[in-house]
Protein backbone atom coordinates (compact mmCIF):
# COMPACT_ATOMS: atom_id res chain seq x y z
CA MET A 1 0.00 0.00 0.00
CA PRO A 2 1.56 3.32 -1.04
CA PHE A 3 1.71 6.23 1.36
CA THR A 4 1.92 9.95 0.73
CA VAL A 5 4.91 11.88 2.04
CA LYS A 6 4.94 15.67 2.18
CA ILE A 7 8.44 17.12 2.06
CA ARG A 8 8.29 20.59 3.58
CA GLN A 9 10.78 22.13 1.12
CA PHE A 10 8.76 21.07 -1.94
CA ASP A 11 5.25 21.90 -3.08
CA ASP A 12 4.10 18.50 -4.36
CA PRO A 13 3.84 15.42 -2.12
CA VAL A 14 5.34 12.13 -3.27
CA SER A 15 3.92 8.63 -3.31
CA VAL A 16 6.08 6.08 -1.51
CA GLY A 17 5.61 2.45 -2.51
CA GLU A 18 5.84 -0.56 -0.21
CA GLY A 19 9.44 -1.10 0.91
CA GLN A 20 10.61 2.08 -0.84
CA THR A 21 12.58 4.63 1.15
CA ILE A 22 11.56 8.27 1.34
CA LEU A 23 14.76 9.25 -0.47
CA GLU A 24 14.15 6.76 -3.29
CA ALA A 25 10.63 8.10 -3.75
CA ALA A 26 11.78 11.73 -3.76
CA LEU A 27 14.49 11.08 -6.32
CA ALA A 28 12.08 9.06 -8.47
CA HIS A 29 9.82 12.13 -8.53
CA GLY A 30 12.75 14.27 -9.70
CA LEU A 31 13.13 16.16 -6.43
CA PRO A 32 16.68 17.28 -5.48
CA TYR A 33 16.58 15.81 -1.97
CA PRO A 34 20.02 16.24 -0.32
CA HIS A 35 21.80 12.91 -0.03
CA GLY A 36 25.14 11.22 -0.22
CA CYS A 37 25.91 7.52 0.23
CA ARG A 38 22.28 6.25 0.07
CA SER A 39 23.27 3.50 2.52
CA GLY A 40 22.92 5.09 5.96
CA ASN A 41 26.58 5.93 6.38
CA CYS A 42 27.07 9.65 5.78
CA GLY A 43 24.11 11.53 7.30
CA SER A 44 23.68 13.85 4.31
CA CYS A 45 19.94 13.07 4.09
CA LYS A 46 19.28 13.60 7.80
CA SER A 47 15.71 14.87 8.20
CA GLU A 48 13.07 15.62 10.78
CA LEU A 49 9.99 13.41 10.87
CA LEU A 50 7.31 16.02 11.51
CA SER A 51 4.33 13.67 11.49
CA GLY A 52 3.50 10.06 10.71
CA LYS A 53 5.51 6.90 11.23
CA ALA A 54 8.56 5.47 9.48
CA ASP A 55 10.75 2.45 10.07
CA LEU A 56 14.53 2.81 9.74
CA GLN A 57 16.60 0.16 8.00
CA PRO A 58 20.09 -0.51 9.50
CA TYR A 59 22.41 2.50 9.50
CA SER A 60 25.66 3.76 11.01
CA GLU A 61 25.40 5.56 14.35
CA PHE A 62 27.93 8.01 12.96
CA ALA A 63 25.22 9.15 10.54
CA LEU A 64 22.42 9.24 13.13
CA THR A 65 22.97 9.01 16.86
CA GLU A 66 20.49 7.44 19.23
CA GLU A 67 19.88 10.85 20.81
CA GLU A 68 19.02 12.29 17.39
CA ARG A 69 16.66 9.41 16.66
CA GLN A 70 14.90 9.99 19.98
CA ARG A 71 14.44 13.64 18.94
CA GLY A 72 12.56 12.53 15.84
CA LEU A 73 15.34 12.68 13.28
CA ILE A 74 15.62 10.09 10.52
CA LEU A 75 17.80 9.25 7.54
CA ALA A 76 15.68 9.55 4.41
CA CYS A 77 17.78 6.90 2.64
CA ARG A 78 16.87 4.34 5.33
CA ALA A 79 13.34 5.49 6.21
CA VAL A 80 10.44 3.34 5.00
CA ALA A 81 7.06 4.99 5.52
CA LEU A 82 4.53 3.13 7.66
CA SER A 83 1.84 5.80 7.22
CA ASP A 84 1.35 9.13 5.49
CA CYS A 85 4.21 11.38 6.68
CA GLU A 86 5.61 14.87 6.62
CA VAL A 87 9.38 15.37 6.69
CA ALA A 88 11.85 18.23 6.37
CA TYR A 89 15.51 17.84 5.54
CA LEU A 90 17.95 19.79 7.67
CA GLY A 91 19.99 22.90 7.22
CA LEU A 92 20.10 23.70 3.50
CA GLU A 93 17.13 25.97 2.97
CA GLU A 94 19.23 29.09 2.32
CA ILE A 95 21.88 27.42 0.14
CA GLU A 96 21.38 26.96 -3.58
CA VAL A 97 22.84 23.57 -4.47
CA PRO A 98 23.54 22.89 -8.18
CA ALA A 99 21.21 20.39 -9.81
CA VAL A 100 22.44 16.86 -10.45
CA ARG A 101 23.41 16.28 -14.07
CA LYS A 102 25.60 14.07 -16.27
CA VAL A 103 28.63 15.44 -18.10
CA ALA A 104 30.87 13.53 -20.51
CA CYS A 105 34.52 14.29 -19.75
CA ARG A 106 37.91 13.36 -21.19
CA VAL A 107 40.95 12.45 -19.11
CA THR A 108 43.65 15.10 -19.52
CA GLY A 109 46.09 14.14 -16.79
CA ILE A 110 47.12 11.20 -14.59
CA VAL A 111 49.66 11.77 -11.81
CA GLU A 112 51.05 9.25 -9.34
CA ALA A 113 50.65 11.23 -6.11
CA THR A 114 51.61 8.41 -3.71
CA HIS A 115 52.16 4.65 -3.85
CA ASP A 116 48.37 4.16 -3.87
CA ILE A 117 46.77 7.48 -4.93
CA ARG A 118 46.40 8.75 -8.46
CA ILE A 119 45.41 12.33 -9.25
CA VAL A 120 43.16 12.20 -12.31
CA ARG A 121 42.26 15.38 -14.16
CA MET A 122 39.58 15.71 -16.81
CA GLU A 123 37.70 18.33 -18.77
CA ALA A 124 34.14 18.41 -20.06
CA ALA A 125 33.76 17.08 -23.60
CA SER A 126 30.01 17.62 -23.82
CA GLY A 127 27.21 18.65 -21.50
CA GLY A 128 29.44 20.94 -19.43
CA PRO A 129 30.33 22.85 -17.47
CA PHE A 130 30.05 20.66 -14.38
CA GLU A 131 28.79 22.79 -11.50
CA PHE A 132 29.31 21.96 -7.83
CA LEU A 133 30.05 23.46 -4.43
CA ALA A 134 33.51 23.09 -2.90
CA GLY A 135 33.54 19.84 -0.93
CA GLN A 136 30.96 17.92 -2.98
CA TYR A 137 31.53 14.71 -4.92
CA ALA A 138 30.37 12.98 -8.09
CA GLY A 139 29.76 9.50 -9.45
CA LEU A 140 32.41 8.56 -12.05
CA SER A 141 31.84 5.86 -14.67
CA PHE A 142 34.90 4.50 -16.47
CA GLY A 143 33.75 2.58 -19.54
CA ASP A 144 31.53 -0.35 -18.57
CA LEU A 145 32.70 -0.38 -14.96
CA PRO A 146 30.17 0.41 -12.22
CA PRO A 147 30.06 4.06 -11.09
CA ARG A 148 32.01 5.04 -8.00
CA ASP A 149 31.94 8.21 -5.92
CA PHE A 150 34.94 10.54 -5.79
CA SER A 151 35.25 14.10 -4.50
CA MET A 152 36.26 17.05 -6.64
CA ALA A 153 39.61 18.46 -5.50
CA ASN A 154 39.60 21.56 -7.70
CA ARG A 155 37.78 24.82 -7.04
CA PRO A 156 34.29 25.07 -8.57
CA ASP A 157 35.40 28.00 -10.74
CA GLU A 158 38.17 25.97 -12.42
CA PRO A 159 37.39 24.22 -15.74
CA THR A 160 39.56 21.15 -15.08
CA LEU A 161 38.04 18.60 -12.71
CA GLU A 162 40.49 16.91 -10.35
CA PHE A 163 39.93 13.63 -8.49
CA HIS A 164 42.18 11.78 -6.03
CA ILE A 165 41.60 8.05 -6.48
CA ARG A 166 43.07 5.64 -3.96
CA LEU A 167 43.85 2.07 -5.01
CA MET A 168 41.71 -0.52 -3.27
CA PRO A 169 43.34 -3.85 -4.30
CA GLU A 170 40.10 -5.80 -3.90
CA GLY A 171 38.08 -3.15 -5.70
CA THR A 172 36.71 -3.03 -9.23
CA VAL A 173 37.32 0.55 -10.36
CA SER A 174 40.43 1.83 -8.58
CA PRO A 175 42.72 -0.98 -9.91
CA TYR A 176 41.65 0.01 -13.42
CA VAL A 177 42.49 3.66 -12.73
CA ALA A 178 45.86 2.67 -11.26
CA THR A 179 46.95 0.37 -14.08
CA ALA A 180 44.92 0.86 -17.25
CA LEU A 181 43.38 4.33 -17.48
CA LYS A 182 44.68 6.29 -20.48
CA LEU A 183 44.73 9.95 -21.45
CA GLY A 184 41.82 10.86 -23.70
CA GLU A 185 39.44 8.26 -22.29
CA GLU A 186 35.85 9.33 -21.81
CA VAL A 187 34.46 9.34 -18.28
CA MET A 188 30.85 10.06 -17.37
CA VAL A 189 30.60 12.37 -14.38
CA GLU A 190 27.25 12.55 -12.54
CA GLY A 191 26.53 14.90 -9.68
CA PRO A 192 27.10 16.86 -7.62
CA TYR A 193 26.23 15.07 -4.40
CA GLY A 194 26.92 15.63 -0.72
CA THR A 195 26.25 18.29 1.88
CA SER A 196 29.73 18.63 3.39
CA PHE A 197 30.54 21.73 1.36
CA LEU A 198 31.98 25.14 2.16
CA ARG A 199 29.57 27.44 3.99
CA GLU A 200 30.60 30.65 2.26
CA ALA A 201 28.81 33.02 4.64
CA HIS A 202 30.72 31.79 7.69
CA THR A 203 33.33 34.26 9.00
CA GLY A 204 34.75 32.37 11.99
CA PRO A 205 37.82 30.11 12.11
CA VAL A 206 37.89 26.99 9.94
CA ILE A 207 39.23 23.61 11.02
CA ALA A 208 39.83 21.36 7.99
CA VAL A 209 40.86 17.74 8.62
CA ALA A 210 41.80 15.25 5.89
CA GLY A 211 42.98 11.66 6.00
CA GLY A 212 44.49 10.06 2.89
CA SER A 213 42.53 10.79 -0.28
CA GLY A 214 40.12 12.75 1.89
CA LEU A 215 42.46 15.59 1.03
CA ALA A 216 40.51 16.03 -2.23
CA PRO A 217 37.33 17.72 -0.93
CA ILE A 218 39.30 19.51 1.80
CA LYS A 219 41.65 20.94 -0.84
CA SER A 220 38.64 22.24 -2.77
CA ILE A 221 37.15 23.83 0.35
CA VAL A 222 40.38 25.47 1.50
CA GLU A 223 41.33 26.79 -1.92
CA MET A 224 37.84 28.19 -2.51
CA ALA A 225 37.88 29.95 0.86
CA LEU A 226 41.23 31.53 -0.01
CA LYS A 227 40.02 32.48 -3.50
CA MET A 228 37.08 34.28 -1.90
CA GLY A 229 39.51 36.35 0.15
CA LYS A 230 38.47 34.97 3.52
CA ARG A 231 40.76 36.27 6.25
CA GLN A 232 39.82 34.13 9.24
CA GLY A 233 42.22 31.47 10.44
CA ILE A 234 42.13 28.30 8.35
CA TYR A 235 43.81 25.29 9.99
CA LEU A 236 44.39 22.38 7.62
CA TYR A 237 45.42 19.06 9.19
CA PHE A 238 46.46 16.32 6.78
CA GLY A 239 47.14 12.84 8.07
CA GLY A 240 48.63 9.63 6.74
CA ARG A 241 50.00 6.44 8.24
CA GLU A 242 53.63 7.04 7.23
CA GLU A 243 55.84 9.39 5.23
CA ARG A 244 54.96 7.93 1.84
CA ASP A 245 51.27 8.80 2.36
CA ILE A 246 51.86 12.56 2.40
CA TYR A 247 51.35 14.34 -0.93
CA LEU A 248 50.85 17.86 -2.35
CA GLU A 249 52.90 19.19 0.55
CA ASP A 250 54.82 21.68 -1.61
CA HIS A 251 51.54 22.90 -3.10
CA PHE A 252 50.13 23.75 0.32
CA LYS A 253 53.38 25.28 1.51
CA ARG A 254 53.18 27.69 -1.44
CA LEU A 255 49.61 28.57 -0.43
CA VAL A 256 50.76 29.18 3.14
CA ALA A 257 53.47 31.53 1.86
CA ARG A 258 50.83 33.60 0.05
CA HIS A 259 48.11 33.45 2.71
CA PRO A 260 49.24 34.19 6.31
CA ASN A 261 45.87 33.02 7.66
CA LEU A 262 46.41 29.47 6.34
CA HIS A 263 48.12 26.93 8.60
CA PHE A 264 49.13 23.49 7.22
CA ILE A 265 49.93 20.66 9.63
CA THR A 266 50.89 17.13 8.58
CA VAL A 267 50.39 14.21 10.97
CA LEU A 268 51.65 10.62 10.80
CA SER A 269 49.71 7.99 12.75
CA GLU A 270 52.25 5.17 12.31
CA PRO A 271 55.66 6.66 11.38
CA ALA A 272 58.23 4.02 10.46
CA GLY A 273 60.95 5.82 12.42
CA PRO A 274 61.84 9.17 13.99
CA THR A 275 59.99 12.06 12.35
CA LYS A 276 59.93 15.84 12.56
CA ARG A 277 56.21 15.80 11.79
CA ARG A 278 53.44 15.66 14.34
CA SER A 279 52.54 12.07 15.16
CA GLY A 280 49.54 10.29 16.60
CA LEU A 281 45.85 10.28 15.77
CA LEU A 282 44.44 13.32 14.00
CA ALA A 283 41.75 13.63 16.67
CA ASP A 284 44.36 13.85 19.43
CA VAL A 285 46.58 16.32 17.56
CA VAL A 286 43.69 18.67 16.81
CA ALA A 287 42.51 18.45 20.43
CA GLN A 288 46.00 19.41 21.62
CA ASP A 289 45.96 22.60 19.57
CA PHE A 290 42.65 24.15 20.56
CA GLY A 291 40.61 25.04 23.60
CA ASP A 292 37.11 26.28 22.86
CA LEU A 293 35.91 25.86 19.24
CA ASP A 294 32.58 27.63 19.65
CA GLY A 295 32.05 29.78 16.54
CA CYS A 296 34.29 27.64 14.33
CA LYS A 297 33.29 25.44 11.44
CA ALA A 298 34.95 22.12 10.77
CA TYR A 299 35.21 20.12 7.54
CA LEU A 300 36.40 16.52 7.72
CA ALA A 301 36.98 13.87 5.05
CA GLY A 302 38.68 10.50 4.98
CA PRO A 303 38.44 7.06 6.62
CA PRO A 304 35.32 6.59 8.77
CA ILE A 305 37.20 5.90 12.01
CA MET A 306 39.22 9.11 11.59
CA VAL A 307 36.13 11.16 10.83
CA GLU A 308 34.21 9.70 13.77
CA THR A 309 36.94 10.12 16.39
CA THR A 310 37.85 13.62 15.21
CA THR A 311 34.22 14.69 15.18
CA GLU A 312 33.87 13.50 18.77
CA ALA A 313 37.01 15.41 19.77
CA LEU A 314 35.76 18.61 18.14
CA VAL A 315 32.36 18.38 19.82
CA ASP A 316 34.12 17.85 23.16
CA LEU A 317 35.83 21.19 22.45
CA GLU A 318 32.40 22.89 22.26
CA LEU A 319 32.06 22.81 18.48
CA ARG A 320 28.35 22.68 17.75
CA PRO A 321 27.35 19.49 15.87
CA GLU A 322 25.67 21.58 13.17
CA ASP A 323 29.02 23.30 12.51
CA CYS A 324 30.77 19.99 11.81
CA HIS A 325 30.53 18.94 8.15
CA ALA A 326 31.91 15.46 7.62
CA ASP A 327 32.38 13.18 4.63
CA ALA A 328 33.41 9.66 5.67
CA PHE A 329 34.89 7.62 2.82
CA TYR A 330 33.19 4.22 3.13
CA THR A 331 34.39 1.48 0.79
CA GLU A 332 31.96 -0.37 -1.46
CA ALA A 333 32.47 -3.44 0.73
CA GLU A 334 31.46 -1.49 3.83
CA LYS A 335 28.38 -0.14 2.07
CA ALA A 336 27.44 -3.60 0.83
CA ALA A 337 27.80 -5.05 4.33
CA LEU A 338 25.31 -2.54 5.68
CA GLU A 339 22.91 -3.15 2.80
CA SER A 340 23.04 -6.92 3.33
CA SER A 341 21.99 -6.45 6.95
CA SER A 342 18.76 -4.66 5.88
C-alpha cells in the first residue's frame, strides 16, 4: 500500500511504494533531496519526521545518533514509511545547491601522487560545465565499470576537474584507474552530491581535517575559501600512516606563503621511524591545539574511524554538531555489508 509523504521544502507530495525509502521516492519524482551515500553511512539526508511513522533500516550511528533518533530525526535513505508522513531535511534551505546532471569528460592528466593514490584530471567534452560546491563529490563511470563516488579536488570555478583516487586492491574501479586508465578516455561524471561543502557566509575560524585521499574535498574547500579572500584562520590538518602517504605538501606550503591566515599541519599515525612531523591520531593532535571551538566550522573527510573520532574530539571542544561537516569515505564493501543487513 503506497503512502503519501509531504516534504516541507517542496510543493508537491510524493507517493512512496511498499518497501521504498523516502529518499528513493523523492528522487524518483525528480526532487533534489540532499543525499550522499544512500546506505545510511554519511548523514547527508538527515531529516526531521514532523508527522506520521517510518521504520529505519540498518544505519551507522555516525550518521544518526540514538539521541538524534529519539528527537525525531531520521535518515531519508533508510526510512520506510509506515503511514502518510511529513518530513523536512535539515539545514540547506538558504543554500542553492547545483542540480544533479551528467557530463561527458575526457581524461587530460594522470599523476602518481603516492604509492596508492592517483590524481586524475579531466575536462568536459560535452554537456558541461560541471557545476558543484567546494567539498561535494560525483559519481564517475569509467567505460563499462560500475560508477564510483569521488570528491572534486579543484575549485568550482576551475574548468579542469580533479579527483584523487586511492587504489583498493580488492576493488573493481580503482585498480583500473591505477593500471589501465589512459589519457583521452571518456568518463561520465554525474553529480554533484553531498552536503559537506563550504559554507561561504561563515566568517569564523575553519578547522579542515583530511585523512588520505580525503584531502581532495578539503583541498577544494580550503582553496575556494582563499580564493574568496576569507581572512579568518584556516587550519588544515592532513594525516597519513607514514611518510609515503603525504602528498601535495609543496603545493600547500606555497599557499601558506601567500596566505598568512592558512596553517598546514601534517600528521603521521604510524611513522616508520623518527619524524619531525606531528605524530599520533588526527583527533588527538587537533585536540592538543585548541581550547574552545565555539564559533568555528569544521570540515572533515577520509576514513570513517578518523572522521568519527575527530568529530567526537571537536564536539568535546564545544564545536556545535551543526558546525561539523563530515564526509566519511566508506568502501563499497562497507556499504554492501550494511545493505546486506537490511
